[in-house]
Amino acid sequence: MRCLKVVGVIALFLCAIAVASEKNLGIHDVAKVSFAASVRVGTTLIPAGDYTMRHTMEGQDHVMTFARVGKKDVYKVKCTLVPLDHKAAQDTQLIVTSGNEHVLRELQFRGDTAKHVF
């Protein structure tokens, strides 16, 4: 019984470390984003609309998953986290025009201490 308690305490400690290290990224895991027009994110073209965005890790890669609200459309794009000097004051999107396309370069969300760069 004592051994079981020790194993339980160790498991709890390891879970706490895992959660703490995940939060050290300085970003929200889930956010909402809307695009008024289709945007290219990396090599992926994402149609205009409202999306739930999730930041996940796939091995060492940072991956943004855009799930269209009310639809089954899901788009995955690799991103890079770039630390900010201070917490973001508001949500921002940096979209540039390249030819006839709108290209999303950066996303940052209010309260985050890092931005997503594509």
C-alpha atoms as a PDB file:
ATOM      1  CA  MET A   1       0.000   0.000   0.000  1.00  0.00           C
ATOM      2  CA  ARG A   2       2.842   2.366   0.847  1.00  0.00           C
ATOM      3  CA  CYS A   3       4.474   1.627  -2.515  1.00  0.00           C
ATOM      4  CA  LEU A   4       1.214   2.512  -4.262  1.00  0.00           C
ATOM      5  CA  LYS A   5       1.134   5.886  -2.488  1.00  0.00           C
ATOM      6  CA  VAL A   6       4.702   6.634  -3.553  1.00  0.00           C
ATOM      7  CA  VAL A   7       3.908   5.750  -7.168  1.00  0.00           C
ATOM      8  CA  GLY A   8       0.790   7.966  -7.014  1.00  0.00           C
ATOM      9  CA  VAL A   9       2.750  10.930  -5.656  1.00  0.00           C
ATOM     10  CA  ILE A  10       5.417  10.507  -8.345  1.00  0.00           C
ATOM     11  CA  ALA A  11       2.759  10.316 -11.085  1.00  0.00           C
ATOM     12  CA  LEU A  12       1.067  13.452  -9.755  1.00  0.00           C
ATOM     13  CA  PHE A  13       4.415  15.274  -9.655  1.00  0.00           C
ATOM     14  CA  LEU A  14       5.218  14.290 -13.260  1.00  0.00           C
ATOM     15  CA  CYS A  15       1.787  15.460 -14.435  1.00  0.00           C
ATOM     16  CA  ALA A  16       2.299  18.818 -12.712  1.00  0.00           C
ATOM     17  CA  ILE A  17       5.671  19.256 -14.417  1.00  0.00           C
ATOM     18  CA  ALA A  18       4.159  18.408 -17.818  1.00  0.00           C
ATOM     19  CA  VAL A  19       1.339  20.942 -17.384  1.00  0.00           C
ATOM     20  CA  ALA A  20       3.726  23.643 -16.136  1.00  0.00           C
ATOM     21  CA  SER A  21       6.134  23.191 -19.045  1.00  0.00           C
ATOM     22  CA  GLU A  22       3.243  23.380 -21.530  1.00  0.00           C
ATOM     23  CA  LYS A  23       2.081  26.695 -20.043  1.00  0.00           C
ATOM     24  CA  ASN A  24       5.607  28.129 -20.301  1.00  0.00           C
ATOM     25  CA  LEU A  25       4.962  28.676 -24.008  1.00  0.00           C
ATOM     26  CA  GLY A  26       3.087  31.841 -23.050  1.00  0.00           C
ATOM     27  CA  ILE A  27       0.137  31.226 -25.363  1.00  0.00           C
ATOM     28  CA  HIS A  28      -3.483  30.171 -25.225  1.00  0.00           C
ATOM     29  CA  ASP A  29      -4.025  26.603 -26.374  1.00  0.00           C
ATOM     30  CA  VAL A  30      -7.389  27.524 -27.938  1.00  0.00           C
ATOM     31  CA  ALA A  31      -8.516  30.797 -29.532  1.00  0.00           C
ATOM     32  CA  LYS A  32     -11.072  32.111 -31.996  1.00  0.00           C
ATOM     33  CA  VAL A  33     -10.072  33.717 -35.290  1.00  0.00           C
ATOM     34  CA  SER A  34     -12.027  35.034 -38.271  1.00  0.00           C
ATOM     35  CA  PHE A  35     -10.912  35.669 -41.828  1.00  0.00           C
ATOM     36  CA  ALA A  36     -12.915  38.056 -44.037  1.00  0.00           C
ATOM     37  CA  ALA A  37     -11.309  36.561 -47.163  1.00  0.00           C
ATOM     38  CA  SER A  38      -9.446  33.361 -47.988  1.00  0.00           C
ATOM     39  CA  VAL A  39      -5.886  33.384 -46.657  1.00  0.00           C
ATOM     40  CA  ARG A  40      -2.820  31.317 -47.419  1.00  0.00           C
ATOM     41  CA  VAL A  41      -1.156  30.048 -44.262  1.00  0.00           C
ATOM     42  CA  GLY A  42       2.108  28.354 -45.132  1.00  0.00           C
ATOM     43  CA  THR A  43       1.179  26.123 -48.066  1.00  0.00           C
ATOM     44  CA  THR A  44      -2.476  25.804 -47.019  1.00  0.00           C
ATOM     45  CA  LEU A  45      -5.316  27.941 -48.398  1.00  0.00           C
ATOM     46  CA  ILE A  46      -7.928  28.558 -45.695  1.00  0.00           C
ATOM     47  CA  PRO A  47     -11.354  29.821 -46.846  1.00  0.00           C
ATOM     48  CA  ALA A  48     -12.959  32.908 -45.309  1.00  0.00           C
ATOM     49  CA  GLY A  49     -14.920  32.196 -42.143  1.00  0.00           C
ATOM     50  CA  ASP A  50     -14.847  31.787 -38.386  1.00  0.00           C
ATOM     51  CA  TYR A  51     -12.438  29.262 -36.892  1.00  0.00           C
ATOM     52  CA  THR A  52     -11.502  27.705 -33.580  1.00  0.00           C
ATOM     53  CA  MET A  53      -7.724  27.626 -33.536  1.00  0.00           C
ATOM     54  CA  ARG A  54      -5.803  25.107 -31.427  1.00  0.00           C
ATOM     55  CA  HIS A  55      -2.078  25.144 -30.827  1.00  0.00           C
ATOM     56  CA  THR A  56      -0.634  21.653 -30.421  1.00  0.00           C
ATOM     57  CA  MET A  57       2.732  19.964 -30.508  1.00  0.00           C
ATOM     58  CA  GLU A  58       3.560  17.150 -32.905  1.00  0.00           C
ATOM     59  CA  GLY A  59       6.937  16.002 -31.697  1.00  0.00           C
ATOM     60  CA  GLN A  60       9.088  19.147 -31.794  1.00  0.00           C
ATOM     61  CA  ASP A  61       6.795  20.919 -34.293  1.00  0.00           C
ATOM     62  CA  HIS A  62       4.332  23.618 -33.290  1.00  0.00           C
ATOM     63  CA  VAL A  63       1.097  23.024 -35.200  1.00  0.00           C
ATOM     64  CA  MET A  64      -1.917  25.303 -35.537  1.00  0.00           C
ATOM     65  CA  THR A  65      -5.196  23.528 -36.268  1.00  0.00           C
ATOM     66  CA  PHE A  66      -7.944  25.698 -37.725  1.00  0.00           C
ATOM     67  CA  ALA A  67     -11.413  24.091 -37.361  1.00  0.00           C
ATOM     68  CA  ARG A  68     -14.177  25.943 -39.197  1.00  0.00           C
ATOM     69  CA  VAL A  69     -17.072  26.772 -36.882  1.00  0.00           C
ATOM     70  CA  GLY A  70     -20.215  24.837 -37.864  1.00  0.00           C
ATOM     71  CA  LYS A  71     -18.397  22.797 -40.527  1.00  0.00           C
ATOM     72  CA  LYS A  72     -16.120  19.781 -40.639  1.00  0.00           C
ATOM     73  CA  ASP A  73     -13.273  21.676 -42.358  1.00  0.00           C
ATOM     74  CA  VAL A  74      -9.964  21.317 -40.490  1.00  0.00           C
ATOM     75  CA  TYR A  75      -6.632  22.767 -41.612  1.00  0.00           C
ATOM     76  CA  LYS A  76      -3.240  22.057 -40.006  1.00  0.00           C
ATOM     77  CA  VAL A  77      -0.284  24.387 -40.432  1.00  0.00           C
ATOM     78  CA  LYS A  78       3.167  24.427 -38.823  1.00  0.00           C
ATOM     79  CA  CYS A  79       4.105  27.619 -37.020  1.00  0.00           C
ATOM     80  CA  THR A  80       6.969  29.135 -35.078  1.00  0.00           C
ATOM     81  CA  LEU A  81       6.522  30.803 -31.704  1.00  0.00           C
ATOM     82  CA  VAL A  82       8.359  34.099 -31.343  1.00  0.00           C
ATOM     83  CA  PRO A  83       8.534  35.637 -27.846  1.00  0.00           C
ATOM     84  CA  LEU A  84       7.074  39.131 -27.367  1.00  0.00           C
ATOM     85  CA  ASP A  85       8.653  41.814 -25.167  1.00  0.00           C
ATOM     86  CA  HIS A  86       5.398  42.057 -23.199  1.00  0.00           C
ATOM     87  CA  LYS A  87       1.926  40.523 -23.165  1.00  0.00           C
ATOM     88  CA  ALA A  88      -0.080  41.235 -26.300  1.00  0.00           C
ATOM     89  CA  ALA A  89      -2.640  43.982 -25.645  1.00  0.00           C
ATOM     90  CA  GLN A  90      -5.016  42.780 -28.367  1.00  0.00           C
ATOM     91  CA  ASP A  91      -5.605  40.105 -30.989  1.00  0.00           C
ATOM     92  CA  THR A  92      -3.812  40.917 -34.241  1.00  0.00           C
ATOM     93  CA  GLN A  93      -3.364  39.344 -37.652  1.00  0.00           C
ATOM     94  CA  LEU A  94      -0.566  40.315 -40.023  1.00  0.00           C
ATOM     95  CA  ILE A  95      -1.852  39.600 -43.519  1.00  0.00           C
ATOM     96  CA  VAL A  96       0.084  40.665 -46.610  1.00  0.00           C
ATOM     97  CA  THR A  97      -0.967  40.573 -50.242  1.00  0.00           C
ATOM     98  CA  SER A  98       1.148  38.503 -52.607  1.00  0.00           C
ATOM     99  CA  GLY A  99      -0.131  38.585 -56.171  1.00  0.00           C
ATOM    100  CA  ASN A 100      -3.853  37.911 -55.883  1.00  0.00           C
ATOM    101  CA  GLU A 101      -3.596  36.120 -52.536  1.00  0.00           C
ATOM    102  CA  HIS A 102      -3.820  37.208 -48.933  1.00  0.00           C
ATOM    103  CA  VAL A 103      -1.040  35.557 -46.926  1.00  0.00           C
ATOM    104  CA  LEU A 104      -1.188  35.251 -43.135  1.00  0.00           C
ATOM    105  CA  ARG A 105       2.270  35.906 -41.688  1.00  0.00           C
ATOM    106  CA  GLU A 106       1.542  36.286 -37.967  1.00  0.00           C
ATOM    107  CA  LEU A 107      -1.161  35.794 -35.360  1.00  0.00           C
ATOM    108  CA  GLN A 108      -1.070  37.015 -31.801  1.00  0.00           C
ATOM    109  CA  PHE A 109      -3.724  36.848 -29.133  1.00  0.00           C
ATOM    110  CA  ARG A 110      -4.408  39.206 -26.244  1.00  0.00           C
ATOM    111  CA  GLY A 111      -2.580  38.143 -23.097  1.00  0.00           C
ATOM    112  CA  ASP A 112      -0.080  35.867 -24.870  1.00  0.00           C
ATOM    113  CA  THR A 113       3.661  36.432 -24.458  1.00  0.00           C
ATOM    114  CA  ALA A 114       4.509  34.893 -27.838  1.00  0.00           C
ATOM    115  CA  LYS A 115       3.185  35.259 -31.381  1.00  0.00           C
ATOM    116  CA  HIS A 116       2.623  32.600 -34.040  1.00  0.00           C
ATOM    117  CA  VAL A 117       4.695  33.163 -37.196  1.00  0.00           C
ATOM    118  CA  PHE A 118       4.035  31.275 -40.433  1.00  0.00           C
END
